[in-house]
Amino acid sequence: MRLVFAETLRSLREEKGYSQQQLAEKIYIDRTTVSKWEAGVRLPDIKMITRIAKALDMDVNTFLDAAQESEESPNIILVDDEKILLSGGIPILESVFPGAVITGFLKPSDALAFAKTNPVSLAFLDIEMGRLSGLELCRELLGINPRTNVIFLTGYRDYALDAWDTGAKGFLLKPLTAESVRAQLSRIKLKIPLGGETA
């Protein structure tokens, strides 16, 4: 049940003096959709969350935080243009975050398309990926959802300074290990049950 988001939406809607029907009309949807959100049956996507925040004259992060807490299985993505690193990294992330949905992408464009319809809690990004670098991908992801935590992966220490200018939370040298992932967790805002030892 998506109760944190449901209670947040209902409380703020009532505080503003809107009925479910009035809110639905402001964001051009059917009242039953608002009812399902407030019952915890469904969660809106990020684009719709932005519209809700604007309609209620609230900071969008209020709703994004509530949606992230409401996700029963938070989304974590790994983006790397080398298949061998992707296939090796996903099992490591699954061992550290057994309660999350881990999705790998070879193409940054596919990761962006996914992020537009699925709230991404944590993103591990390779830096060198052809036309769209991990640094640019980070900025795009944070533009979609400012609450996404980004950790860069690279084989080169020289990128460290550039990486910090993007709003990322961490920086890991390849190869990815469970220990190196856990060492980064103190820097990020993430409510996901961990597997094995926690940092």
N, C-alpha and C. Protein backbone atom coordinates (compact mmCIF):
# COMPACT_ATOMS: atom_id res chain seq x y z
N MET A 1 0.84 -1.20 0.00
CA MET A 1 0.00 0.00 0.00
C MET A 1 0.88 1.26 0.00
N ARG A 2 0.49 2.24 -0.83
CA ARG A 2 1.27 3.48 -0.93
C ARG A 2 0.72 4.51 0.06
N LEU A 3 0.78 4.19 1.35
CA LEU A 3 0.07 4.99 2.34
C LEU A 3 0.72 6.33 2.64
N VAL A 4 2.03 6.43 2.58
CA VAL A 4 2.68 7.71 2.88
C VAL A 4 2.25 8.75 1.86
N PHE A 5 2.31 8.41 0.58
CA PHE A 5 1.88 9.35 -0.45
C PHE A 5 0.39 9.63 -0.33
N ALA A 6 -0.40 8.58 -0.11
CA ALA A 6 -1.85 8.73 0.00
C ALA A 6 -2.23 9.71 1.10
N GLU A 7 -1.63 9.56 2.27
CA GLU A 7 -1.96 10.43 3.40
C GLU A 7 -1.47 11.85 3.18
N THR A 8 -0.30 11.97 2.55
CA THR A 8 0.24 13.31 2.25
C THR A 8 -0.68 14.05 1.29
N LEU A 9 -1.10 13.38 0.23
CA LEU A 9 -1.96 14.02 -0.76
C LEU A 9 -3.31 14.40 -0.15
N ARG A 10 -3.94 13.49 0.57
CA ARG A 10 -5.25 13.78 1.16
C ARG A 10 -5.17 14.95 2.14
N SER A 11 -4.14 14.93 2.99
CA SER A 11 -3.98 15.98 3.99
C SER A 11 -3.78 17.35 3.34
N LEU A 12 -2.90 17.42 2.33
CA LEU A 12 -2.61 18.72 1.70
C LEU A 12 -3.78 19.19 0.85
N ARG A 13 -4.48 18.26 0.21
CA ARG A 13 -5.66 18.63 -0.58
C ARG A 13 -6.72 19.25 0.32
N GLU A 14 -6.99 18.59 1.46
CA GLU A 14 -8.00 19.10 2.39
C GLU A 14 -7.56 20.42 3.00
N GLU A 15 -6.25 20.55 3.27
CA GLU A 15 -5.72 21.80 3.83
C GLU A 15 -5.98 22.97 2.89
N LYS A 16 -5.90 22.70 1.58
CA LYS A 16 -6.14 23.74 0.57
C LYS A 16 -7.63 23.95 0.31
N GLY A 17 -8.47 23.10 0.89
CA GLY A 17 -9.91 23.26 0.74
C GLY A 17 -10.48 22.71 -0.55
N TYR A 18 -9.75 21.80 -1.21
CA TYR A 18 -10.24 21.22 -2.46
C TYR A 18 -10.89 19.86 -2.20
N SER A 19 -11.95 19.57 -2.95
CA SER A 19 -12.51 18.22 -2.97
C SER A 19 -11.68 17.40 -3.96
N GLN A 20 -11.86 16.09 -3.94
CA GLN A 20 -11.17 15.25 -4.93
C GLN A 20 -11.55 15.68 -6.34
N GLN A 21 -12.82 16.02 -6.55
CA GLN A 21 -13.29 16.44 -7.87
C GLN A 21 -12.60 17.72 -8.31
N GLN A 22 -12.48 18.68 -7.40
CA GLN A 22 -11.84 19.96 -7.74
C GLN A 22 -10.37 19.78 -8.10
N LEU A 23 -9.66 18.93 -7.34
CA LEU A 23 -8.26 18.67 -7.67
C LEU A 23 -8.16 17.98 -9.02
N ALA A 24 -9.03 17.01 -9.26
CA ALA A 24 -9.02 16.29 -10.53
C ALA A 24 -9.20 17.25 -11.70
N GLU A 25 -10.10 18.20 -11.56
CA GLU A 25 -10.35 19.16 -12.63
C GLU A 25 -9.15 20.06 -12.86
N LYS A 26 -8.44 20.40 -11.79
CA LYS A 26 -7.26 21.28 -11.92
C LYS A 26 -6.11 20.60 -12.67
N ILE A 27 -6.04 19.27 -12.57
CA ILE A 27 -4.94 18.57 -13.24
C ILE A 27 -5.44 17.70 -14.41
N TYR A 28 -6.72 17.92 -14.79
CA TYR A 28 -7.30 17.31 -16.00
C TYR A 28 -7.30 15.79 -15.99
N ILE A 29 -7.78 15.23 -14.89
CA ILE A 29 -7.93 13.79 -14.80
C ILE A 29 -9.30 13.47 -14.21
N ASP A 30 -9.63 12.20 -14.12
CA ASP A 30 -10.89 11.77 -13.55
C ASP A 30 -10.79 11.71 -12.02
N ARG A 31 -11.89 12.02 -11.32
CA ARG A 31 -11.88 12.01 -9.86
C ARG A 31 -11.51 10.65 -9.28
N THR A 32 -11.88 9.57 -9.99
CA THR A 32 -11.57 8.23 -9.47
C THR A 32 -10.07 7.99 -9.38
N THR A 33 -9.28 8.66 -10.22
CA THR A 33 -7.82 8.51 -10.16
C THR A 33 -7.30 9.12 -8.86
N VAL A 34 -7.81 10.30 -8.50
CA VAL A 34 -7.41 10.92 -7.22
C VAL A 34 -7.81 10.02 -6.07
N SER A 35 -9.02 9.44 -6.17
CA SER A 35 -9.51 8.54 -5.12
C SER A 35 -8.57 7.34 -4.94
N LYS A 36 -8.08 6.79 -6.06
CA LYS A 36 -7.17 5.64 -5.98
C LYS A 36 -5.83 6.03 -5.36
N TRP A 37 -5.34 7.23 -5.69
CA TRP A 37 -4.10 7.69 -5.07
C TRP A 37 -4.27 7.81 -3.57
N GLU A 38 -5.39 8.39 -3.14
CA GLU A 38 -5.61 8.64 -1.72
C GLU A 38 -5.98 7.36 -0.96
N ALA A 39 -6.37 6.34 -1.69
CA ALA A 39 -6.65 5.05 -1.05
C ALA A 39 -5.39 4.18 -0.98
N GLY A 40 -4.31 4.65 -1.59
CA GLY A 40 -3.06 3.89 -1.60
C GLY A 40 -3.05 2.76 -2.62
N VAL A 41 -3.97 2.82 -3.58
CA VAL A 41 -4.05 1.76 -4.59
C VAL A 41 -3.02 1.98 -5.69
N ARG A 42 -2.77 3.25 -6.03
CA ARG A 42 -1.85 3.58 -7.11
C ARG A 42 -0.98 4.76 -6.72
N LEU A 43 0.16 4.90 -7.44
CA LEU A 43 1.02 6.08 -7.31
C LEU A 43 1.07 6.79 -8.66
N PRO A 44 0.99 8.12 -8.68
CA PRO A 44 1.14 8.84 -9.95
C PRO A 44 2.60 8.82 -10.41
N ASP A 45 2.82 9.03 -11.71
CA ASP A 45 4.19 9.12 -12.20
C ASP A 45 4.76 10.50 -11.87
N ILE A 46 6.04 10.70 -12.19
CA ILE A 46 6.72 11.94 -11.79
C ILE A 46 6.10 13.17 -12.46
N LYS A 47 5.73 13.04 -13.72
CA LYS A 47 5.12 14.17 -14.43
C LYS A 47 3.82 14.58 -13.74
N MET A 48 3.02 13.60 -13.34
CA MET A 48 1.76 13.90 -12.67
C MET A 48 1.99 14.45 -11.27
N ILE A 49 3.02 13.95 -10.58
CA ILE A 49 3.35 14.49 -9.26
C ILE A 49 3.68 15.98 -9.35
N THR A 50 4.39 16.35 -10.41
CA THR A 50 4.71 17.77 -10.63
C THR A 50 3.45 18.59 -10.82
N ARG A 51 2.49 18.06 -11.57
CA ARG A 51 1.22 18.76 -11.79
C ARG A 51 0.42 18.89 -10.50
N ILE A 52 0.43 17.85 -9.67
CA ILE A 52 -0.28 17.89 -8.39
C ILE A 52 0.32 18.98 -7.50
N ALA A 53 1.65 19.02 -7.42
CA ALA A 53 2.33 20.01 -6.59
C ALA A 53 1.98 21.43 -7.03
N LYS A 54 1.97 21.64 -8.33
CA LYS A 54 1.64 22.97 -8.86
C LYS A 54 0.20 23.33 -8.55
N ALA A 55 -0.71 22.37 -8.71
CA ALA A 55 -2.13 22.63 -8.45
C ALA A 55 -2.38 22.97 -6.99
N LEU A 56 -1.62 22.36 -6.09
CA LEU A 56 -1.79 22.60 -4.66
C LEU A 56 -0.83 23.66 -4.12
N ASP A 57 -0.04 24.26 -5.04
CA ASP A 57 0.92 25.30 -4.67
C ASP A 57 1.86 24.82 -3.56
N MET A 58 2.43 23.62 -3.79
CA MET A 58 3.34 23.00 -2.83
C MET A 58 4.67 22.70 -3.50
N ASP A 59 5.72 22.58 -2.68
CA ASP A 59 7.03 22.17 -3.19
C ASP A 59 6.93 20.73 -3.70
N VAL A 60 7.35 20.49 -4.93
CA VAL A 60 7.24 19.16 -5.51
C VAL A 60 8.00 18.11 -4.70
N ASN A 61 9.06 18.53 -3.99
CA ASN A 61 9.83 17.57 -3.20
C ASN A 61 9.02 16.96 -2.06
N THR A 62 8.01 17.68 -1.59
CA THR A 62 7.13 17.13 -0.55
C THR A 62 6.47 15.85 -1.06
N PHE A 63 6.00 15.90 -2.31
CA PHE A 63 5.33 14.75 -2.90
C PHE A 63 6.32 13.69 -3.37
N LEU A 64 7.48 14.12 -3.88
CA LEU A 64 8.48 13.16 -4.32
C LEU A 64 9.01 12.34 -3.14
N ASP A 65 9.23 13.01 -2.01
CA ASP A 65 9.68 12.29 -0.80
C ASP A 65 8.63 11.27 -0.36
N ALA A 66 7.36 11.71 -0.38
CA ALA A 66 6.28 10.81 0.03
C ALA A 66 6.17 9.63 -0.92
N ALA A 67 6.33 9.89 -2.23
CA ALA A 67 6.25 8.80 -3.22
C ALA A 67 7.40 7.83 -3.03
N GLN A 68 8.59 8.35 -2.73
CA GLN A 68 9.75 7.48 -2.54
C GLN A 68 9.56 6.59 -1.32
N GLU A 69 9.02 7.16 -0.24
CA GLU A 69 8.77 6.37 0.96
C GLU A 69 7.66 5.35 0.75
N SER A 70 6.76 5.65 -0.21
CA SER A 70 5.63 4.77 -0.47
C SER A 70 5.98 3.60 -1.37
N GLU A 71 7.07 3.71 -2.09
CA GLU A 71 7.45 2.64 -3.01
C GLU A 71 7.81 1.39 -2.22
N GLU A 72 7.06 0.30 -2.46
CA GLU A 72 7.35 -0.94 -1.76
C GLU A 72 8.67 -1.54 -2.24
N SER A 73 8.98 -1.37 -3.51
CA SER A 73 10.23 -1.86 -4.09
C SER A 73 10.89 -0.71 -4.83
N PRO A 74 11.75 0.06 -4.16
CA PRO A 74 12.38 1.21 -4.80
C PRO A 74 13.19 0.80 -6.03
N ASN A 75 13.25 1.71 -7.00
CA ASN A 75 13.99 1.46 -8.23
C ASN A 75 15.44 1.92 -8.11
N ILE A 76 16.35 1.03 -8.44
CA ILE A 76 17.77 1.35 -8.53
C ILE A 76 18.22 1.00 -9.93
N ILE A 77 18.94 1.92 -10.58
CA ILE A 77 19.41 1.64 -11.94
C ILE A 77 20.94 1.64 -11.99
N LEU A 78 21.45 0.84 -12.90
CA LEU A 78 22.88 0.78 -13.19
C LEU A 78 23.02 1.03 -14.68
N VAL A 79 23.79 2.06 -15.05
CA VAL A 79 23.95 2.41 -16.46
C VAL A 79 25.43 2.32 -16.83
N ASP A 80 25.74 1.41 -17.74
CA ASP A 80 27.12 1.21 -18.18
C ASP A 80 27.07 0.65 -19.60
N ASP A 81 27.88 1.19 -20.50
CA ASP A 81 27.82 0.74 -21.89
C ASP A 81 28.64 -0.52 -22.16
N GLU A 82 29.19 -1.13 -21.11
CA GLU A 82 29.90 -2.40 -21.27
C GLU A 82 29.08 -3.52 -20.65
N LYS A 83 28.66 -4.47 -21.48
CA LYS A 83 27.78 -5.55 -21.01
C LYS A 83 28.39 -6.34 -19.86
N ILE A 84 29.67 -6.60 -19.91
CA ILE A 84 30.31 -7.42 -18.88
C ILE A 84 30.25 -6.74 -17.52
N LEU A 85 30.40 -5.42 -17.50
CA LEU A 85 30.34 -4.68 -16.24
C LEU A 85 28.90 -4.58 -15.74
N LEU A 86 27.96 -4.48 -16.68
CA LEU A 86 26.56 -4.44 -16.30
C LEU A 86 26.12 -5.77 -15.71
N SER A 87 26.47 -6.85 -16.39
CA SER A 87 26.04 -8.17 -15.90
C SER A 87 26.73 -8.54 -14.60
N GLY A 88 27.95 -8.03 -14.37
CA GLY A 88 28.64 -8.28 -13.10
C GLY A 88 28.15 -7.39 -11.97
N GLY A 89 27.71 -6.17 -12.32
CA GLY A 89 27.29 -5.21 -11.31
C GLY A 89 25.90 -5.45 -10.74
N ILE A 90 24.98 -5.92 -11.58
CA ILE A 90 23.60 -6.12 -11.12
C ILE A 90 23.50 -7.11 -9.96
N PRO A 91 24.16 -8.29 -10.03
CA PRO A 91 24.09 -9.20 -8.88
C PRO A 91 24.67 -8.61 -7.60
N ILE A 92 25.69 -7.76 -7.73
CA ILE A 92 26.26 -7.12 -6.55
C ILE A 92 25.25 -6.18 -5.91
N LEU A 93 24.57 -5.38 -6.74
CA LEU A 93 23.56 -4.47 -6.20
C LEU A 93 22.38 -5.23 -5.62
N GLU A 94 22.01 -6.35 -6.23
CA GLU A 94 20.91 -7.17 -5.70
C GLU A 94 21.26 -7.74 -4.34
N SER A 95 22.55 -8.05 -4.13
CA SER A 95 22.95 -8.58 -2.83
C SER A 95 22.95 -7.51 -1.75
N VAL A 96 23.26 -6.26 -2.13
CA VAL A 96 23.27 -5.16 -1.16
C VAL A 96 21.86 -4.64 -0.89
N PHE A 97 21.01 -4.64 -1.94
CA PHE A 97 19.66 -4.09 -1.83
C PHE A 97 18.62 -5.15 -2.22
N PRO A 98 18.41 -6.17 -1.40
CA PRO A 98 17.49 -7.25 -1.77
C PRO A 98 16.03 -6.80 -1.87
N GLY A 99 15.69 -5.66 -1.26
CA GLY A 99 14.31 -5.18 -1.32
C GLY A 99 14.02 -4.24 -2.45
N ALA A 100 15.01 -4.01 -3.33
CA ALA A 100 14.84 -3.05 -4.42
C ALA A 100 14.70 -3.76 -5.77
N VAL A 101 14.19 -3.01 -6.75
CA VAL A 101 14.15 -3.49 -8.13
C VAL A 101 15.38 -2.91 -8.83
N ILE A 102 16.29 -3.77 -9.25
CA ILE A 102 17.52 -3.34 -9.92
C ILE A 102 17.35 -3.50 -11.42
N THR A 103 17.58 -2.43 -12.17
CA THR A 103 17.44 -2.48 -13.63
C THR A 103 18.72 -1.94 -14.26
N GLY A 104 19.25 -2.67 -15.24
CA GLY A 104 20.47 -2.25 -15.92
C GLY A 104 20.17 -1.70 -17.30
N PHE A 105 20.97 -0.73 -17.72
CA PHE A 105 20.82 -0.12 -19.05
C PHE A 105 22.18 0.04 -19.71
N LEU A 106 22.26 -0.33 -20.98
CA LEU A 106 23.47 -0.09 -21.76
C LEU A 106 23.46 1.31 -22.37
N LYS A 107 22.25 1.84 -22.64
CA LYS A 107 22.11 3.15 -23.28
C LYS A 107 21.53 4.18 -22.31
N PRO A 108 22.18 5.34 -22.20
CA PRO A 108 21.65 6.41 -21.34
C PRO A 108 20.23 6.82 -21.73
N SER A 109 19.92 6.80 -23.02
CA SER A 109 18.58 7.19 -23.47
C SER A 109 17.52 6.25 -22.91
N ASP A 110 17.82 4.96 -22.81
CA ASP A 110 16.87 4.01 -22.24
C ASP A 110 16.68 4.26 -20.74
N ALA A 111 17.76 4.62 -20.06
CA ALA A 111 17.67 4.94 -18.63
C ALA A 111 16.81 6.17 -18.40
N LEU A 112 16.94 7.18 -19.27
CA LEU A 112 16.13 8.39 -19.14
C LEU A 112 14.66 8.09 -19.38
N ALA A 113 14.38 7.26 -20.39
CA ALA A 113 12.98 6.91 -20.67
C ALA A 113 12.37 6.19 -19.48
N PHE A 114 13.14 5.31 -18.85
CA PHE A 114 12.67 4.58 -17.66
C PHE A 114 12.40 5.55 -16.51
N ALA A 115 13.33 6.50 -16.30
CA ALA A 115 13.22 7.44 -15.18
C ALA A 115 12.02 8.37 -15.32
N LYS A 116 11.57 8.61 -16.54
CA LYS A 116 10.43 9.49 -16.75
C LYS A 116 9.12 8.88 -16.29
N THR A 117 9.06 7.56 -16.19
CA THR A 117 7.83 6.89 -15.78
C THR A 117 7.98 6.07 -14.50
N ASN A 118 9.19 6.02 -13.96
CA ASN A 118 9.45 5.26 -12.73
C ASN A 118 10.34 6.08 -11.81
N PRO A 119 9.91 6.37 -10.58
CA PRO A 119 10.77 7.14 -9.69
C PRO A 119 12.03 6.35 -9.34
N VAL A 120 13.18 6.90 -9.69
CA VAL A 120 14.46 6.24 -9.43
C VAL A 120 15.04 6.75 -8.13
N SER A 121 15.25 5.84 -7.18
CA SER A 121 15.79 6.22 -5.87
C SER A 121 17.31 6.37 -5.91
N LEU A 122 17.97 5.48 -6.65
CA LEU A 122 19.44 5.45 -6.67
C LEU A 122 19.91 5.05 -8.06
N ALA A 123 20.88 5.80 -8.59
CA ALA A 123 21.42 5.52 -9.92
C ALA A 123 22.93 5.40 -9.85
N PHE A 124 23.45 4.30 -10.36
CA PHE A 124 24.90 4.11 -10.51
C PHE A 124 25.22 4.33 -11.98
N LEU A 125 26.06 5.33 -12.27
CA LEU A 125 26.30 5.74 -13.65
C LEU A 125 27.77 5.65 -14.03
N ASP A 126 28.05 4.95 -15.13
CA ASP A 126 29.38 5.01 -15.72
C ASP A 126 29.57 6.44 -16.24
N ILE A 127 30.78 6.94 -16.28
CA ILE A 127 31.00 8.31 -16.74
C ILE A 127 31.22 8.37 -18.25
N GLU A 128 32.04 7.49 -18.79
CA GLU A 128 32.31 7.51 -20.23
C GLU A 128 31.36 6.56 -20.95
N MET A 129 30.39 7.14 -21.70
CA MET A 129 29.41 6.30 -22.39
C MET A 129 29.08 6.81 -23.79
N GLY A 130 30.02 7.36 -24.48
CA GLY A 130 29.75 7.79 -25.85
C GLY A 130 29.15 9.18 -25.91
N ARG A 131 28.05 9.30 -26.69
CA ARG A 131 27.47 10.62 -26.95
C ARG A 131 26.96 11.34 -25.69
N LEU A 132 26.29 10.62 -24.81
CA LEU A 132 25.80 11.22 -23.58
C LEU A 132 26.61 10.67 -22.41
N SER A 133 27.43 11.52 -21.80
CA SER A 133 28.29 11.06 -20.70
C SER A 133 27.46 10.85 -19.44
N GLY A 134 28.06 10.14 -18.48
CA GLY A 134 27.40 9.95 -17.20
C GLY A 134 27.17 11.27 -16.48
N LEU A 135 28.05 12.25 -16.69
CA LEU A 135 27.89 13.56 -16.06
C LEU A 135 26.63 14.24 -16.59
N GLU A 136 26.43 14.18 -17.91
CA GLU A 136 25.23 14.77 -18.50
C GLU A 136 23.99 13.98 -18.11
N LEU A 137 24.11 12.66 -18.06
CA LEU A 137 22.99 11.81 -17.67
C LEU A 137 22.56 12.13 -16.24
N CYS A 138 23.52 12.37 -15.36
CA CYS A 138 23.21 12.74 -13.98
C CYS A 138 22.35 14.00 -13.95
N ARG A 139 22.74 15.02 -14.69
CA ARG A 139 21.98 16.27 -14.70
C ARG A 139 20.56 16.04 -15.23
N GLU A 140 20.45 15.20 -16.25
CA GLU A 140 19.12 14.90 -16.82
C GLU A 140 18.25 14.16 -15.80
N LEU A 141 18.82 13.19 -15.11
CA LEU A 141 18.06 12.42 -14.12
C LEU A 141 17.60 13.31 -12.97
N LEU A 142 18.47 14.21 -12.52
CA LEU A 142 18.11 15.12 -11.43
C LEU A 142 17.07 16.14 -11.89
N GLY A 143 17.07 16.45 -13.19
CA GLY A 143 16.03 17.32 -13.74
C GLY A 143 14.67 16.64 -13.71
N ILE A 144 14.66 15.34 -13.94
CA ILE A 144 13.42 14.56 -13.89
C ILE A 144 12.95 14.38 -12.46
N ASN A 145 13.89 14.02 -11.58
CA ASN A 145 13.55 13.78 -10.17
C ASN A 145 14.72 14.23 -9.29
N PRO A 146 14.60 15.40 -8.67
CA PRO A 146 15.70 15.93 -7.85
C PRO A 146 16.06 15.06 -6.66
N ARG A 147 15.19 14.10 -6.30
CA ARG A 147 15.44 13.24 -5.15
C ARG A 147 16.25 12.00 -5.50
N THR A 148 16.58 11.82 -6.77
CA THR A 148 17.40 10.67 -7.17
C THR A 148 18.81 10.83 -6.61
N ASN A 149 19.32 9.78 -5.99
CA ASN A 149 20.70 9.75 -5.51
C ASN A 149 21.57 9.16 -6.61
N VAL A 150 22.63 9.87 -6.99
CA VAL A 150 23.50 9.41 -8.07
C VAL A 150 24.89 9.11 -7.54
N ILE A 151 25.41 7.95 -7.93
CA ILE A 151 26.79 7.57 -7.62
C ILE A 151 27.48 7.23 -8.92
N PHE A 152 28.61 7.86 -9.18
CA PHE A 152 29.34 7.62 -10.41
C PHE A 152 30.28 6.42 -10.31
N LEU A 153 30.42 5.72 -11.42
CA LEU A 153 31.36 4.61 -11.54
C LEU A 153 32.35 4.93 -12.64
N THR A 154 33.62 4.75 -12.39
CA THR A 154 34.61 5.00 -13.43
C THR A 154 35.91 4.27 -13.12
N GLY A 155 36.72 4.13 -14.13
CA GLY A 155 38.04 3.54 -13.95
C GLY A 155 39.12 4.60 -13.78
N TYR A 156 38.69 5.89 -13.80
CA TYR A 156 39.66 6.99 -13.79
C TYR A 156 39.40 7.98 -12.67
N ARG A 157 40.37 8.17 -11.79
CA ARG A 157 40.23 9.13 -10.69
C ARG A 157 40.12 10.57 -11.19
N ASP A 158 40.62 10.85 -12.40
CA ASP A 158 40.65 12.21 -12.91
C ASP A 158 39.25 12.84 -13.01
N TYR A 159 38.22 12.02 -13.06
CA TYR A 159 36.86 12.55 -13.20
C TYR A 159 36.25 13.03 -11.89
N ALA A 160 36.89 12.77 -10.78
CA ALA A 160 36.29 13.03 -9.47
C ALA A 160 35.80 14.47 -9.31
N LEU A 161 36.61 15.46 -9.67
CA LEU A 161 36.22 16.86 -9.48
C LEU A 161 35.02 17.21 -10.33
N ASP A 162 35.01 16.78 -11.60
CA ASP A 162 33.88 17.05 -12.49
C ASP A 162 32.61 16.40 -11.94
N ALA A 163 32.75 15.22 -11.37
CA ALA A 163 31.58 14.48 -10.87
C ALA A 163 30.88 15.23 -9.75
N TRP A 164 31.65 15.86 -8.86
CA TRP A 164 31.02 16.54 -7.72
C TRP A 164 30.23 17.76 -8.14
N ASP A 165 30.51 18.34 -9.32
CA ASP A 165 29.80 19.52 -9.79
C ASP A 165 28.41 19.21 -10.32
N THR A 166 28.03 17.94 -10.38
CA THR A 166 26.75 17.56 -10.98
C THR A 166 25.63 17.37 -9.96
N GLY A 167 25.93 17.38 -8.68
CA GLY A 167 24.92 17.09 -7.67
C GLY A 167 24.91 15.63 -7.26
N ALA A 168 25.91 14.87 -7.71
CA ALA A 168 25.99 13.45 -7.35
C ALA A 168 26.34 13.29 -5.88
N LYS A 169 26.02 12.13 -5.32
CA LYS A 169 26.26 11.85 -3.91
C LYS A 169 27.53 11.04 -3.66
N GLY A 170 28.06 10.39 -4.70
CA GLY A 170 29.22 9.54 -4.48
C GLY A 170 29.98 9.24 -5.75
N PHE A 171 31.13 8.59 -5.58
CA PHE A 171 32.05 8.33 -6.68
C PHE A 171 32.78 7.03 -6.36
N LEU A 172 32.64 6.04 -7.23
CA LEU A 172 33.27 4.75 -7.02
C LEU A 172 34.20 4.40 -8.18
N LEU A 173 35.35 3.86 -7.84
CA LEU A 173 36.24 3.34 -8.88
C LEU A 173 35.84 1.90 -9.20
N LYS A 174 35.89 1.55 -10.47
CA LYS A 174 35.60 0.18 -10.89
C LYS A 174 36.77 -0.70 -10.48
N PRO A 175 36.51 -1.99 -10.25
CA PRO A 175 35.23 -2.68 -10.38
C PRO A 175 34.33 -2.46 -9.17
N LEU A 176 33.01 -2.54 -9.42
CA LEU A 176 32.02 -2.39 -8.37
C LEU A 176 32.08 -3.57 -7.40
N THR A 177 32.06 -3.28 -6.10
CA THR A 177 32.02 -4.35 -5.09
C THR A 177 30.95 -4.01 -4.07
N ALA A 178 30.45 -5.03 -3.37
CA ALA A 178 29.44 -4.80 -2.34
C ALA A 178 30.00 -3.89 -1.25
N GLU A 179 31.26 -4.07 -0.91
CA GLU A 179 31.88 -3.26 0.15
C GLU A 179 31.96 -1.79 -0.26
N SER A 180 32.32 -1.53 -1.52
CA SER A 180 32.44 -0.14 -1.97
C SER A 180 31.07 0.53 -2.03
N VAL A 181 30.03 -0.24 -2.40
CA VAL A 181 28.67 0.32 -2.43
C VAL A 181 28.23 0.68 -1.01
N ARG A 182 28.43 -0.24 -0.07
CA ARG A 182 28.02 0.02 1.32
C ARG A 182 28.74 1.23 1.91
N ALA A 183 29.98 1.42 1.49
CA ALA A 183 30.76 2.55 2.01
C ALA A 183 30.17 3.90 1.59
N GLN A 184 29.38 3.91 0.51
CA GLN A 184 28.79 5.16 0.01
C GLN A 184 27.47 5.51 0.68
N LEU A 185 26.86 4.55 1.37
CA LEU A 185 25.48 4.72 1.80
C LEU A 185 25.25 5.80 2.85
N SER A 186 26.29 6.19 3.57
CA SER A 186 26.12 7.25 4.57
C SER A 186 25.85 8.60 3.92
N ARG A 187 26.17 8.72 2.62
CA ARG A 187 26.02 10.00 1.93
C ARG A 187 24.66 10.18 1.28
N ILE A 188 23.87 9.13 1.22
CA ILE A 188 22.62 9.21 0.46
C ILE A 188 21.40 9.07 1.34
N LYS A 189 20.27 9.59 0.81
CA LYS A 189 18.97 9.46 1.48
C LYS A 189 18.25 8.30 0.83
N LEU A 190 18.19 7.19 1.52
CA LEU A 190 17.59 6.00 0.92
C LEU A 190 17.05 5.09 1.99
N LYS A 191 15.79 4.73 1.88
CA LYS A 191 15.17 3.83 2.84
C LYS A 191 14.91 2.49 2.17
N ILE A 192 15.98 1.69 2.06
CA ILE A 192 15.88 0.36 1.43
C ILE A 192 16.54 -0.64 2.35
N PRO A 193 15.85 -1.73 2.65
CA PRO A 193 16.49 -2.77 3.47
C PRO A 193 17.75 -3.28 2.79
N LEU A 194 18.81 -3.44 3.55
CA LEU A 194 20.08 -3.91 3.00
C LEU A 194 20.26 -5.39 3.25
N GLY A 195 20.98 -6.03 2.35
CA GLY A 195 21.31 -7.43 2.54
C GLY A 195 22.66 -7.56 3.19
N GLY A 196 22.85 -8.56 4.02
CA GLY A 196 24.15 -8.77 4.67
C GLY A 196 24.46 -7.65 5.62
N GLU A 197 25.74 -7.35 5.75
CA GLU A 197 26.18 -6.29 6.66
C GLU A 197 25.83 -4.94 6.10
N THR A 198 25.43 -4.02 6.96
CA THR A 198 25.17 -2.66 6.51
C THR A 198 26.37 -1.79 6.83
N ALA A 199 26.43 -0.65 6.11
CA ALA A 199 27.58 0.24 6.33
C ALA A 199 27.49 0.90 7.69
